[in-house]
Amino acid sequence: MLVSALIRRVQDSGGFASVLHKGDAISGTILVQCLDKGKETGLFERISDYAGGYRLVACGPDKDGGPHLVADYIARRRRSDPDLWLIELDIVDAERLAVETLC
């Protein structure tokens, strides 16, 4: 439900959003790959804040390291966690929209 809401919100704002890997509907970890006009702006993971809520934290390699490093990181994460969701957002302020929707 959260993933669908995020995708609708990005598309309603004029951006592109896609599910690159569908995880477990109830307990899957959510990774959000943020782009702006096709350029990587960050990779974020939704994690518990241990106070009953969630937050989005940066994860993976430095975005300036190149797309192959991000792809390798995502492949490793998918191998170790088959329940993982991978969502791609291509819009200005993708991180802000993800935080407002997922946290």
N, C-alpha and C. Protein backbone atom coordinates (compact mmCIF):
# COMPACT_ATOMS: atom_id res chain seq x y z
N MET A 1 0.82 -1.19 0.00
CA MET A 1 0.00 0.00 0.00
C MET A 1 0.87 1.26 0.00
N LEU A 2 1.93 1.27 0.81
CA LEU A 2 2.83 2.42 0.86
C LEU A 2 3.52 2.65 -0.48
N VAL A 3 3.96 1.57 -1.09
CA VAL A 3 4.65 1.68 -2.37
C VAL A 3 3.71 2.24 -3.43
N SER A 4 2.49 1.75 -3.47
CA SER A 4 1.50 2.25 -4.43
C SER A 4 1.23 3.74 -4.20
N ALA A 5 1.12 4.15 -2.95
CA ALA A 5 0.88 5.56 -2.63
C ALA A 5 2.05 6.43 -3.10
N LEU A 6 3.27 5.95 -2.88
CA LEU A 6 4.45 6.70 -3.31
C LEU A 6 4.48 6.84 -4.83
N ILE A 7 4.22 5.77 -5.53
CA ILE A 7 4.24 5.81 -6.99
C ILE A 7 3.17 6.77 -7.51
N ARG A 8 1.97 6.70 -6.97
CA ARG A 8 0.90 7.63 -7.39
C ARG A 8 1.29 9.08 -7.13
N ARG A 9 1.88 9.32 -5.97
CA ARG A 9 2.25 10.69 -5.61
C ARG A 9 3.31 11.25 -6.57
N VAL A 10 4.31 10.45 -6.90
CA VAL A 10 5.36 10.90 -7.81
C VAL A 10 4.77 11.14 -9.20
N GLN A 11 3.94 10.22 -9.68
CA GLN A 11 3.35 10.38 -11.00
C GLN A 11 2.41 11.59 -11.05
N ASP A 12 1.65 11.82 -9.98
CA ASP A 12 0.77 12.99 -9.92
C ASP A 12 1.57 14.30 -9.92
N SER A 13 2.82 14.24 -9.47
CA SER A 13 3.69 15.42 -9.44
C SER A 13 4.47 15.59 -10.73
N GLY A 14 4.22 14.72 -11.72
CA GLY A 14 4.88 14.85 -13.01
C GLY A 14 6.16 14.05 -13.16
N GLY A 15 6.47 13.20 -12.21
CA GLY A 15 7.68 12.40 -12.27
C GLY A 15 7.41 10.98 -12.72
N PHE A 16 8.47 10.20 -12.74
CA PHE A 16 8.41 8.79 -13.12
C PHE A 16 8.71 7.95 -11.89
N ALA A 17 7.92 6.90 -11.69
CA ALA A 17 8.15 5.98 -10.58
C ALA A 17 7.88 4.57 -11.05
N SER A 18 8.72 3.64 -10.59
CA SER A 18 8.57 2.27 -11.02
C SER A 18 9.03 1.31 -9.93
N VAL A 19 8.38 0.16 -9.86
CA VAL A 19 8.83 -0.92 -8.98
C VAL A 19 9.82 -1.75 -9.78
N LEU A 20 11.10 -1.73 -9.36
CA LEU A 20 12.12 -2.50 -10.06
C LEU A 20 12.21 -3.93 -9.53
N HIS A 21 11.83 -4.11 -8.27
CA HIS A 21 11.78 -5.44 -7.68
C HIS A 21 10.68 -5.45 -6.63
N LYS A 22 9.76 -6.40 -6.77
CA LYS A 22 8.64 -6.50 -5.85
C LYS A 22 9.00 -7.45 -4.72
N GLY A 23 8.87 -6.98 -3.48
CA GLY A 23 9.19 -7.78 -2.31
C GLY A 23 7.95 -8.29 -1.60
N ASP A 24 8.14 -8.71 -0.37
CA ASP A 24 7.04 -9.21 0.44
C ASP A 24 6.07 -8.07 0.76
N ALA A 25 4.79 -8.33 0.58
CA ALA A 25 3.77 -7.30 0.75
C ALA A 25 3.63 -6.80 2.18
N ILE A 26 4.02 -7.61 3.16
CA ILE A 26 3.83 -7.23 4.55
C ILE A 26 5.13 -6.80 5.23
N SER A 27 6.19 -7.56 5.00
CA SER A 27 7.40 -7.30 5.79
C SER A 27 8.63 -6.95 4.97
N GLY A 28 8.47 -6.67 3.70
CA GLY A 28 9.63 -6.39 2.87
C GLY A 28 10.27 -5.04 3.16
N THR A 29 11.60 -5.03 3.17
CA THR A 29 12.36 -3.79 3.30
C THR A 29 12.16 -2.97 2.02
N ILE A 30 12.11 -1.65 2.16
CA ILE A 30 11.91 -0.78 1.00
C ILE A 30 13.18 0.03 0.76
N LEU A 31 13.76 -0.14 -0.45
CA LEU A 31 14.86 0.69 -0.91
C LEU A 31 14.31 1.63 -1.97
N VAL A 32 14.71 2.88 -1.90
CA VAL A 32 14.25 3.89 -2.86
C VAL A 32 15.46 4.45 -3.58
N GLN A 33 15.50 4.24 -4.89
CA GLN A 33 16.57 4.78 -5.72
C GLN A 33 16.07 6.09 -6.31
N CYS A 34 16.68 7.19 -5.92
CA CYS A 34 16.24 8.52 -6.34
C CYS A 34 17.10 9.03 -7.49
N LEU A 35 16.44 9.59 -8.47
CA LEU A 35 17.10 10.19 -9.62
C LEU A 35 16.45 11.53 -9.93
N ASP A 36 17.18 12.36 -10.63
CA ASP A 36 16.64 13.61 -11.14
C ASP A 36 17.08 13.72 -12.59
N LYS A 37 16.14 13.59 -13.51
CA LYS A 37 16.41 13.57 -14.95
C LYS A 37 17.44 12.50 -15.29
N GLY A 38 17.30 11.33 -14.69
CA GLY A 38 18.17 10.20 -14.97
C GLY A 38 19.49 10.17 -14.22
N LYS A 39 19.78 11.23 -13.47
CA LYS A 39 21.04 11.29 -12.72
C LYS A 39 20.79 10.85 -11.28
N GLU A 40 21.62 9.92 -10.81
CA GLU A 40 21.49 9.37 -9.46
C GLU A 40 21.65 10.48 -8.41
N THR A 41 20.66 10.56 -7.49
CA THR A 41 20.75 11.53 -6.40
C THR A 41 20.84 10.86 -5.04
N GLY A 42 20.64 9.54 -5.00
CA GLY A 42 20.80 8.84 -3.73
C GLY A 42 20.01 7.55 -3.67
N LEU A 43 20.44 6.69 -2.76
CA LEU A 43 19.76 5.43 -2.49
C LEU A 43 19.42 5.43 -1.01
N PHE A 44 18.16 5.14 -0.69
CA PHE A 44 17.68 5.26 0.68
C PHE A 44 16.92 4.02 1.11
N GLU A 45 17.00 3.73 2.39
CA GLU A 45 16.31 2.58 2.96
C GLU A 45 15.35 3.05 4.05
N ARG A 46 14.16 2.49 4.05
CA ARG A 46 13.17 2.79 5.09
C ARG A 46 13.46 1.87 6.27
N ILE A 47 13.75 2.47 7.42
CA ILE A 47 14.05 1.67 8.61
C ILE A 47 13.21 2.16 9.80
N SER A 48 13.05 1.28 10.76
CA SER A 48 12.32 1.63 11.99
C SER A 48 13.16 2.61 12.80
N ASP A 49 12.48 3.57 13.43
CA ASP A 49 13.21 4.49 14.32
C ASP A 49 13.12 4.03 15.78
N TYR A 50 12.55 2.84 15.98
CA TYR A 50 12.41 2.21 17.30
C TYR A 50 11.59 3.04 18.28
N ALA A 51 10.81 3.97 17.75
CA ALA A 51 9.89 4.75 18.58
C ALA A 51 8.47 4.64 18.02
N GLY A 52 8.26 3.61 17.20
CA GLY A 52 6.95 3.39 16.61
C GLY A 52 6.79 3.99 15.23
N GLY A 53 7.83 4.60 14.71
CA GLY A 53 7.76 5.21 13.38
C GLY A 53 8.86 4.70 12.47
N TYR A 54 9.04 5.38 11.38
CA TYR A 54 10.05 5.02 10.40
C TYR A 54 10.79 6.26 9.95
N ARG A 55 11.96 6.03 9.38
CA ARG A 55 12.72 7.11 8.77
C ARG A 55 13.42 6.58 7.54
N LEU A 56 13.86 7.46 6.68
CA LEU A 56 14.58 7.10 5.47
C LEU A 56 16.04 7.48 5.67
N VAL A 57 16.93 6.52 5.49
CA VAL A 57 18.35 6.78 5.67
C VAL A 57 19.11 6.43 4.39
N ALA A 58 20.15 7.19 4.14
CA ALA A 58 21.00 6.91 2.97
C ALA A 58 21.69 5.57 3.18
N CYS A 59 21.84 4.83 2.10
CA CYS A 59 22.53 3.55 2.17
C CYS A 59 23.31 3.34 0.88
N GLY A 60 24.12 2.29 0.88
CA GLY A 60 24.86 1.94 -0.32
C GLY A 60 26.08 2.80 -0.54
N PRO A 61 26.69 2.62 -1.71
CA PRO A 61 27.91 3.36 -2.03
C PRO A 61 27.61 4.83 -2.33
N ASP A 62 28.64 5.63 -2.34
CA ASP A 62 28.52 7.04 -2.69
C ASP A 62 27.98 7.16 -4.10
N LYS A 63 27.02 8.04 -4.29
CA LYS A 63 26.39 8.18 -5.61
C LYS A 63 27.38 8.63 -6.68
N ASP A 64 28.48 9.27 -6.28
CA ASP A 64 29.47 9.72 -7.25
C ASP A 64 30.43 8.62 -7.67
N GLY A 65 30.29 7.43 -7.06
CA GLY A 65 31.16 6.30 -7.39
C GLY A 65 30.81 5.64 -8.71
N GLY A 66 29.68 5.98 -9.27
CA GLY A 66 29.27 5.42 -10.55
C GLY A 66 28.10 4.47 -10.42
N PRO A 67 27.37 4.32 -11.52
CA PRO A 67 26.17 3.47 -11.48
C PRO A 67 26.47 2.00 -11.25
N HIS A 68 27.66 1.54 -11.65
CA HIS A 68 27.98 0.12 -11.45
C HIS A 68 28.10 -0.23 -9.97
N LEU A 69 28.59 0.69 -9.15
CA LEU A 69 28.69 0.42 -7.71
C LEU A 69 27.31 0.32 -7.08
N VAL A 70 26.39 1.18 -7.49
CA VAL A 70 25.02 1.13 -6.98
C VAL A 70 24.35 -0.16 -7.43
N ALA A 71 24.53 -0.53 -8.69
CA ALA A 71 23.94 -1.77 -9.21
C ALA A 71 24.48 -2.99 -8.47
N ASP A 72 25.78 -3.02 -8.19
CA ASP A 72 26.37 -4.12 -7.44
C ASP A 72 25.80 -4.20 -6.02
N TYR A 73 25.65 -3.04 -5.38
CA TYR A 73 25.09 -3.00 -4.03
C TYR A 73 23.66 -3.54 -4.02
N ILE A 74 22.85 -3.10 -4.97
CA ILE A 74 21.47 -3.55 -5.05
C ILE A 74 21.40 -5.05 -5.31
N ALA A 75 22.25 -5.55 -6.18
CA ALA A 75 22.28 -6.99 -6.47
C ALA A 75 22.62 -7.79 -5.21
N ARG A 76 23.59 -7.33 -4.43
CA ARG A 76 23.95 -8.00 -3.17
C ARG A 76 22.79 -7.98 -2.19
N ARG A 77 22.13 -6.85 -2.08
CA ARG A 77 21.00 -6.74 -1.16
C ARG A 77 19.85 -7.66 -1.57
N ARG A 78 19.59 -7.75 -2.86
CA ARG A 78 18.51 -8.62 -3.35
C ARG A 78 18.84 -10.09 -3.10
N ARG A 79 20.12 -10.46 -3.25
CA ARG A 79 20.51 -11.85 -2.98
C ARG A 79 20.33 -12.20 -1.51
N SER A 80 20.66 -11.25 -0.63
CA SER A 80 20.57 -11.53 0.80
C SER A 80 19.17 -11.32 1.37
N ASP A 81 18.32 -10.59 0.66
CA ASP A 81 16.96 -10.31 1.14
C ASP A 81 15.98 -10.38 -0.03
N PRO A 82 15.45 -11.57 -0.33
CA PRO A 82 14.53 -11.69 -1.47
C PRO A 82 13.20 -10.97 -1.25
N ASP A 83 12.90 -10.54 -0.02
CA ASP A 83 11.66 -9.82 0.27
C ASP A 83 11.79 -8.31 0.03
N LEU A 84 12.94 -7.87 -0.40
CA LEU A 84 13.25 -6.46 -0.59
C LEU A 84 12.45 -5.84 -1.74
N TRP A 85 11.92 -4.65 -1.50
CA TRP A 85 11.30 -3.84 -2.55
C TRP A 85 12.34 -2.84 -3.06
N LEU A 86 12.42 -2.66 -4.36
CA LEU A 86 13.28 -1.63 -4.94
C LEU A 86 12.41 -0.73 -5.80
N ILE A 87 12.33 0.53 -5.40
CA ILE A 87 11.50 1.51 -6.08
C ILE A 87 12.40 2.58 -6.68
N GLU A 88 12.16 2.92 -7.94
CA GLU A 88 12.92 3.98 -8.60
C GLU A 88 12.02 5.19 -8.77
N LEU A 89 12.53 6.34 -8.35
CA LEU A 89 11.81 7.61 -8.50
C LEU A 89 12.68 8.56 -9.31
N ASP A 90 12.14 9.13 -10.35
CA ASP A 90 12.87 10.11 -11.15
C ASP A 90 12.05 11.39 -11.16
N ILE A 91 12.39 12.27 -10.23
CA ILE A 91 11.67 13.54 -10.06
C ILE A 91 12.52 14.44 -9.17
N VAL A 92 12.37 15.73 -9.34
CA VAL A 92 13.02 16.68 -8.44
C VAL A 92 12.48 16.43 -7.03
N ASP A 93 13.33 16.46 -6.03
CA ASP A 93 12.94 16.24 -4.64
C ASP A 93 12.37 14.85 -4.38
N ALA A 94 12.93 13.85 -5.04
CA ALA A 94 12.47 12.47 -4.86
C ALA A 94 12.59 12.04 -3.40
N GLU A 95 13.68 12.41 -2.76
CA GLU A 95 13.88 12.02 -1.36
C GLU A 95 12.78 12.61 -0.47
N ARG A 96 12.45 13.87 -0.69
CA ARG A 96 11.41 14.52 0.11
C ARG A 96 10.06 13.81 -0.06
N LEU A 97 9.70 13.49 -1.29
CA LEU A 97 8.43 12.80 -1.53
C LEU A 97 8.44 11.42 -0.87
N ALA A 98 9.57 10.73 -0.92
CA ALA A 98 9.66 9.41 -0.29
C ALA A 98 9.52 9.52 1.22
N VAL A 99 10.17 10.50 1.83
CA VAL A 99 10.08 10.68 3.29
C VAL A 99 8.64 11.02 3.67
N GLU A 100 8.02 11.93 2.97
CA GLU A 100 6.65 12.34 3.31
C GLU A 100 5.65 11.19 3.15
N THR A 101 5.91 10.27 2.26
CA THR A 101 4.98 9.18 1.99
C THR A 101 5.26 7.94 2.83
N LEU A 102 6.53 7.61 3.02
CA LEU A 102 6.90 6.36 3.68
C LEU A 102 7.15 6.47 5.19
N CYS A 103 7.32 7.68 5.69
CA CYS A 103 7.69 7.82 7.11
C CYS A 103 6.59 8.45 7.94
